[in-house]
């Protein structure tokens, strides 16, 4: 237990700053073997960068609902290559020589 007033104030200030960022403390119960996994996950989710995809993937993985139709199309539309004007054509050859 923290008994030093300065330490208590520092912890309160830290938690206040975290709350301003939208980060809250809560308790959960899990297996001991999952401790590091849960901590890494929580750290990743609070970084704020590229967490949308991680959240969607986790939501799908733990959701009891089946995935919605059109999910692949939606993912392709989010691709950074949309509108990149790529030339994906390749030359077609009628006959290919095969040595049997």
C-alpha atoms as a PDB file:
ATOM      1  CA  UNK A   1       0.000   0.000   0.000  1.00  0.00           C
ATOM      2  CA  UNK A   2       1.209   3.496  -0.756  1.00  0.00           C
ATOM      3  CA  UNK A   3       1.665   5.484   2.416  1.00  0.00           C
ATOM      4  CA  UNK A   4       3.648   8.452   1.173  1.00  0.00           C
ATOM      5  CA  UNK A   5       1.432  11.489   0.401  1.00  0.00           C
ATOM      6  CA  UNK A   6       3.649  12.503  -2.514  1.00  0.00           C
ATOM      7  CA  UNK A   7       3.273   9.042  -4.026  1.00  0.00           C
ATOM      8  CA  UNK A   8      -0.487   9.117  -3.555  1.00  0.00           C
ATOM      9  CA  UNK A   9      -0.657  12.515  -5.244  1.00  0.00           C
ATOM     10  CA  UNK A  10       1.542  11.324  -8.122  1.00  0.00           C
ATOM     11  CA  UNK A  11      -0.659   8.276  -8.690  1.00  0.00           C
ATOM     12  CA  UNK A  12      -3.811  10.422  -8.548  1.00  0.00           C
ATOM     13  CA  UNK A  13      -2.313  12.872 -11.073  1.00  0.00           C
ATOM     14  CA  UNK A  14      -1.266  10.023 -13.376  1.00  0.00           C
ATOM     15  CA  UNK A  15      -4.717   8.447 -13.259  1.00  0.00           C
ATOM     16  CA  UNK A  16      -6.314  11.842 -13.878  1.00  0.00           C
ATOM     17  CA  UNK A  17      -4.175  12.335 -17.020  1.00  0.00           C
ATOM     18  CA  UNK A  18      -5.109   8.860 -18.230  1.00  0.00           C
ATOM     19  CA  UNK A  19      -8.806   9.599 -17.663  1.00  0.00           C
ATOM     20  CA  UNK A  20      -8.461  12.799 -19.725  1.00  0.00           C
ATOM     21  CA  UNK A  21      -7.128  10.635 -22.572  1.00  0.00           C
ATOM     22  CA  UNK A  22     -10.160   8.366 -22.205  1.00  0.00           C
ATOM     23  CA  UNK A  23      -8.247   5.536 -20.553  1.00  0.00           C
ATOM     24  CA  UNK A  24      -9.891   3.951 -17.527  1.00  0.00           C
ATOM     25  CA  UNK A  25      -8.781   1.399 -14.971  1.00  0.00           C
ATOM     26  CA  UNK A  26     -10.726  -1.766 -14.461  1.00  0.00           C
ATOM     27  CA  UNK A  27     -10.189  -5.185 -13.004  1.00  0.00           C
ATOM     28  CA  UNK A  28     -10.592  -8.454 -14.814  1.00  0.00           C
ATOM     29  CA  UNK A  29      -9.982 -12.072 -14.089  1.00  0.00           C
ATOM     30  CA  UNK A  30      -8.108 -14.419 -16.382  1.00  0.00           C
ATOM     31  CA  UNK A  31      -5.734 -17.318 -16.378  1.00  0.00           C
ATOM     32  CA  UNK A  32      -2.219 -16.597 -15.175  1.00  0.00           C
ATOM     33  CA  UNK A  33      -0.872 -17.757 -18.535  1.00  0.00           C
ATOM     34  CA  UNK A  34      -2.824 -14.989 -20.316  1.00  0.00           C
ATOM     35  CA  UNK A  35      -1.499 -12.133 -18.172  1.00  0.00           C
ATOM     36  CA  UNK A  36       1.170 -10.969 -20.626  1.00  0.00           C
ATOM     37  CA  UNK A  37      -1.157 -11.376 -23.607  1.00  0.00           C
ATOM     38  CA  UNK A  38      -3.860  -9.234 -21.998  1.00  0.00           C
ATOM     39  CA  UNK A  39      -1.351  -6.574 -20.982  1.00  0.00           C
ATOM     40  CA  UNK A  40       0.102  -6.420 -24.503  1.00  0.00           C
ATOM     41  CA  UNK A  41      -3.389  -6.196 -25.962  1.00  0.00           C
ATOM     42  CA  UNK A  42      -4.382  -3.401 -23.576  1.00  0.00           C
ATOM     43  CA  UNK A  43      -1.172  -1.513 -24.401  1.00  0.00           C
ATOM     44  CA  UNK A  44      -1.791  -1.844 -28.154  1.00  0.00           C
ATOM     45  CA  UNK A  45      -5.398  -0.676 -27.832  1.00  0.00           C
ATOM     46  CA  UNK A  46      -4.387   2.445 -25.893  1.00  0.00           C
ATOM     47  CA  UNK A  47      -1.670   3.514 -28.341  1.00  0.00           C
ATOM     48  CA  UNK A  48      -4.290   5.056 -30.599  1.00  0.00           C
ATOM     49  CA  UNK A  49      -2.491   4.240 -33.850  1.00  0.00           C
ATOM     50  CA  UNK A  50      -3.962   1.684 -36.232  1.00  0.00           C
ATOM     51  CA  UNK A  51      -6.177   0.275 -33.493  1.00  0.00           C
ATOM     52  CA  UNK A  52      -9.348   0.267 -35.587  1.00  0.00           C
ATOM     53  CA  UNK A  53      -8.412  -2.859 -37.499  1.00  0.00           C
ATOM     54  CA  UNK A  54      -7.293  -4.609 -34.305  1.00  0.00           C
ATOM     55  CA  UNK A  55     -10.587  -3.751 -32.605  1.00  0.00           C
ATOM     56  CA  UNK A  56     -12.622  -5.021 -35.569  1.00  0.00           C
ATOM     57  CA  UNK A  57     -10.639  -8.264 -35.714  1.00  0.00           C
ATOM     58  CA  UNK A  58     -11.017  -8.862 -31.981  1.00  0.00           C
ATOM     59  CA  UNK A  59     -14.702  -7.991 -32.088  1.00  0.00           C
ATOM     60  CA  UNK A  60     -15.257 -10.540 -34.841  1.00  0.00           C
ATOM     61  CA  UNK A  61     -13.197 -13.180 -33.058  1.00  0.00           C
ATOM     62  CA  UNK A  62     -15.116 -12.942 -29.790  1.00  0.00           C
ATOM     63  CA  UNK A  63     -18.555 -12.130 -31.198  1.00  0.00           C
ATOM     64  CA  UNK A  64     -21.235 -14.787 -31.294  1.00  0.00           C
ATOM     65  CA  UNK A  65     -22.695 -13.236 -34.439  1.00  0.00           C
ATOM     66  CA  UNK A  66     -21.701 -14.613 -37.833  1.00  0.00           C
ATOM     67  CA  UNK A  67     -19.780 -12.249 -40.076  1.00  0.00           C
ATOM     68  CA  UNK A  68     -21.869 -10.051 -42.324  1.00  0.00           C
ATOM     69  CA  UNK A  69     -21.957 -10.683 -46.070  1.00  0.00           C
ATOM     70  CA  UNK A  70     -19.800  -8.310 -48.088  1.00  0.00           C
ATOM     71  CA  UNK A  71     -16.993  -8.221 -45.540  1.00  0.00           C
ATOM     72  CA  UNK A  72     -14.334  -9.039 -48.124  1.00  0.00           C
ATOM     73  CA  UNK A  73     -15.586  -6.318 -50.439  1.00  0.00           C
ATOM     74  CA  UNK A  74     -15.582  -3.821 -47.574  1.00  0.00           C
ATOM     75  CA  UNK A  75     -12.012  -4.793 -46.679  1.00  0.00           C
ATOM     76  CA  UNK A  76     -10.891  -4.409 -50.280  1.00  0.00           C
ATOM     77  CA  UNK A  77     -12.453  -0.960 -50.442  1.00  0.00           C
ATOM     78  CA  UNK A  78     -10.414   0.066 -47.384  1.00  0.00           C
ATOM     79  CA  UNK A  79      -7.211  -1.033 -49.104  1.00  0.00           C
ATOM     80  CA  UNK A  80      -4.532   1.633 -49.539  1.00  0.00           C
ATOM     81  CA  UNK A  81      -4.296   0.563 -53.200  1.00  0.00           C
ATOM     82  CA  UNK A  82      -7.822   1.792 -54.020  1.00  0.00           C
ATOM     83  CA  UNK A  83      -7.459   4.317 -56.812  1.00  0.00           C
ATOM     84  CA  UNK A  84      -3.756   3.548 -57.297  1.00  0.00           C
ATOM     85  CA  UNK A  85      -4.315   3.016 -61.059  1.00  0.00           C
ATOM     86  CA  UNK A  86      -2.285  -0.207 -61.216  1.00  0.00           C
ATOM     87  CA  UNK A  87      -1.788  -2.047 -64.501  1.00  0.00           C
ATOM     88  CA  UNK A  88      -2.518  -5.670 -63.609  1.00  0.00           C
ATOM     89  CA  UNK A  89      -2.731  -7.021 -67.137  1.00  0.00           C
ATOM     90  CA  UNK A  90      -0.276  -9.631 -68.319  1.00  0.00           C
ATOM     91  CA  UNK A  91       0.532 -10.945 -71.764  1.00  0.00           C
ATOM     92  CA  UNK A  92      -1.470 -14.000 -72.766  1.00  0.00           C
ATOM     93  CA  UNK A  93       0.157 -16.778 -74.740  1.00  0.00           C
ATOM     94  CA  UNK A  94      -2.011 -19.267 -76.598  1.00  0.00           C
ATOM     95  CA  UNK A  95       0.437 -22.136 -76.549  1.00  0.00           C
ATOM     96  CA  UNK A  96       2.876 -23.104 -73.866  1.00  0.00           C
ATOM     97  CA  UNK A  97       5.680 -25.545 -74.533  1.00  0.00           C
ATOM     98  CA  UNK A  98       5.699 -28.386 -72.008  1.00  0.00           C
ATOM     99  CA  UNK A  99       8.429 -31.002 -71.933  1.00  0.00           C
ATOM    100  CA  UNK A 100       6.958 -34.315 -70.779  1.00  0.00           C
END
